[in-house]
Amino acid sequence: MSATDDAQAPDRLLTPDEVAQWLGKPKATLSAWRSRNLGPRGIRVGNALRYRRGEVELWLDQQTDDRPD
């Protein structure tokens, strides 16, 4: 696969288990965040919940705490 192909490839879809492991949070926390519109945006693929990697990264960027310690 060339660099051009990578640039045009769609975001990889992640399962809730993969996102929970990536964030170091229980899957139940992701579910609670989702029900309160606090966590990364998910999408439905049929009846399966998936997360676009780019959406999770965007959400993480928005959580950056710039306050001094």
C-alpha atoms as a PDB file:
ATOM      1  CA  MET A   1       0.000   0.000   0.000  1.00  0.00           C
ATOM      2  CA  SER A   2       1.409   3.388  -0.941  1.00  0.00           C
ATOM      3  CA  ALA A   3       1.381   6.600   1.109  1.00  0.00           C
ATOM      4  CA  THR A   4      -1.377   7.902  -1.171  1.00  0.00           C
ATOM      5  CA  ASP A   5      -3.527   4.866  -0.385  1.00  0.00           C
ATOM      6  CA  ASP A   6      -2.995   5.432   3.361  1.00  0.00           C
ATOM      7  CA  ALA A   7      -4.072   9.076   3.077  1.00  0.00           C
ATOM      8  CA  GLN A   8      -7.306   8.078   1.368  1.00  0.00           C
ATOM      9  CA  ALA A   9      -8.075   5.062   3.571  1.00  0.00           C
ATOM     10  CA  PRO A  10     -11.098   5.452   5.842  1.00  0.00           C
ATOM     11  CA  ASP A  11     -10.689   5.531   9.597  1.00  0.00           C
ATOM     12  CA  ARG A  12     -10.388   2.114  11.106  1.00  0.00           C
ATOM     13  CA  LEU A  13     -13.507   1.228  13.062  1.00  0.00           C
ATOM     14  CA  LEU A  14     -12.816   0.223  16.641  1.00  0.00           C
ATOM     15  CA  THR A  15     -14.951  -1.918  18.899  1.00  0.00           C
ATOM     16  CA  PRO A  16     -15.977  -0.676  22.352  1.00  0.00           C
ATOM     17  CA  ASP A  17     -13.547  -3.234  23.835  1.00  0.00           C
ATOM     18  CA  GLU A  18     -10.668  -1.778  21.804  1.00  0.00           C
ATOM     19  CA  VAL A  19     -11.518   1.809  22.786  1.00  0.00           C
ATOM     20  CA  ALA A  20     -11.905   0.875  26.447  1.00  0.00           C
ATOM     21  CA  GLN A  21      -8.513  -0.847  26.408  1.00  0.00           C
ATOM     22  CA  TRP A  22      -6.903   2.111  24.574  1.00  0.00           C
ATOM     23  CA  LEU A  23      -8.283   4.600  27.113  1.00  0.00           C
ATOM     24  CA  GLY A  24      -7.640   2.345  30.102  1.00  0.00           C
ATOM     25  CA  LYS A  25     -11.294   2.556  31.168  1.00  0.00           C
ATOM     26  CA  PRO A  26     -13.926  -0.125  31.702  1.00  0.00           C
ATOM     27  CA  LYS A  27     -16.352  -0.670  28.855  1.00  0.00           C
ATOM     28  CA  ALA A  28     -19.154   0.303  31.262  1.00  0.00           C
ATOM     29  CA  THR A  29     -17.567   3.758  31.582  1.00  0.00           C
ATOM     30  CA  LEU A  30     -17.694   4.201  27.797  1.00  0.00           C
ATOM     31  CA  SER A  31     -21.341   3.190  27.874  1.00  0.00           C
ATOM     32  CA  ALA A  32     -22.118   5.686  30.656  1.00  0.00           C
ATOM     33  CA  TRP A  33     -20.274   8.463  28.822  1.00  0.00           C
ATOM     34  CA  ARG A  34     -22.166   7.638  25.637  1.00  0.00           C
ATOM     35  CA  SER A  35     -25.540   7.799  27.378  1.00  0.00           C
ATOM     36  CA  ARG A  36     -24.642  11.279  28.708  1.00  0.00           C
ATOM     37  CA  ASN A  37     -22.967  12.507  25.484  1.00  0.00           C
ATOM     38  CA  LEU A  38     -19.629  12.876  27.288  1.00  0.00           C
ATOM     39  CA  GLY A  39     -17.355  10.433  25.506  1.00  0.00           C
ATOM     40  CA  PRO A  40     -16.147   9.943  21.960  1.00  0.00           C
ATOM     41  CA  ARG A  41     -18.854   9.786  19.313  1.00  0.00           C
ATOM     42  CA  GLY A  42     -19.784   6.301  18.240  1.00  0.00           C
ATOM     43  CA  ILE A  43     -21.578   5.043  15.171  1.00  0.00           C
ATOM     44  CA  ARG A  44     -23.895   2.123  14.560  1.00  0.00           C
ATOM     45  CA  VAL A  45     -22.962  -0.401  11.906  1.00  0.00           C
ATOM     46  CA  GLY A  46     -26.057  -2.536  11.771  1.00  0.00           C
ATOM     47  CA  ASN A  47     -26.641  -3.326  15.414  1.00  0.00           C
ATOM     48  CA  ALA A  48     -22.952  -3.075  16.355  1.00  0.00           C
ATOM     49  CA  LEU A  49     -21.465  -0.005  18.026  1.00  0.00           C
ATOM     50  CA  ARG A  50     -18.171   1.150  16.537  1.00  0.00           C
ATOM     51  CA  TYR A  51     -15.884   4.129  17.013  1.00  0.00           C
ATOM     52  CA  ARG A  52     -13.904   5.856  14.284  1.00  0.00           C
ATOM     53  CA  ARG A  53     -10.287   6.117  15.390  1.00  0.00           C
ATOM     54  CA  GLY A  54     -10.210   9.772  14.280  1.00  0.00           C
ATOM     55  CA  GLU A  55     -13.270  10.593  16.421  1.00  0.00           C
ATOM     56  CA  VAL A  56     -11.622   9.075  19.488  1.00  0.00           C
ATOM     57  CA  GLU A  57      -8.422  11.029  18.802  1.00  0.00           C
ATOM     58  CA  LEU A  58     -10.427  14.243  18.329  1.00  0.00           C
ATOM     59  CA  TRP A  59     -12.263  13.645  21.604  1.00  0.00           C
ATOM     60  CA  LEU A  60      -8.938  13.023  23.367  1.00  0.00           C
ATOM     61  CA  ASP A  61      -7.563  16.297  21.983  1.00  0.00           C
ATOM     62  CA  GLN A  62     -10.622  18.108  23.356  1.00  0.00           C
ATOM     63  CA  GLN A  63      -9.950  16.654  26.830  1.00  0.00           C
ATOM     64  CA  THR A  64      -6.532  18.293  27.074  1.00  0.00           C
ATOM     65  CA  ASP A  65      -6.189  20.124  30.375  1.00  0.00           C
ATOM     66  CA  ASP A  66      -4.069  23.222  29.841  1.00  0.00           C
ATOM     67  CA  ARG A  67      -4.339  24.396  33.447  1.00  0.00           C
ATOM     68  CA  PRO A  68      -1.056  24.594  35.359  1.00  0.00           C
ATOM     69  CA  ASP A  69      -0.535  22.066  38.136  1.00  0.00           C
END
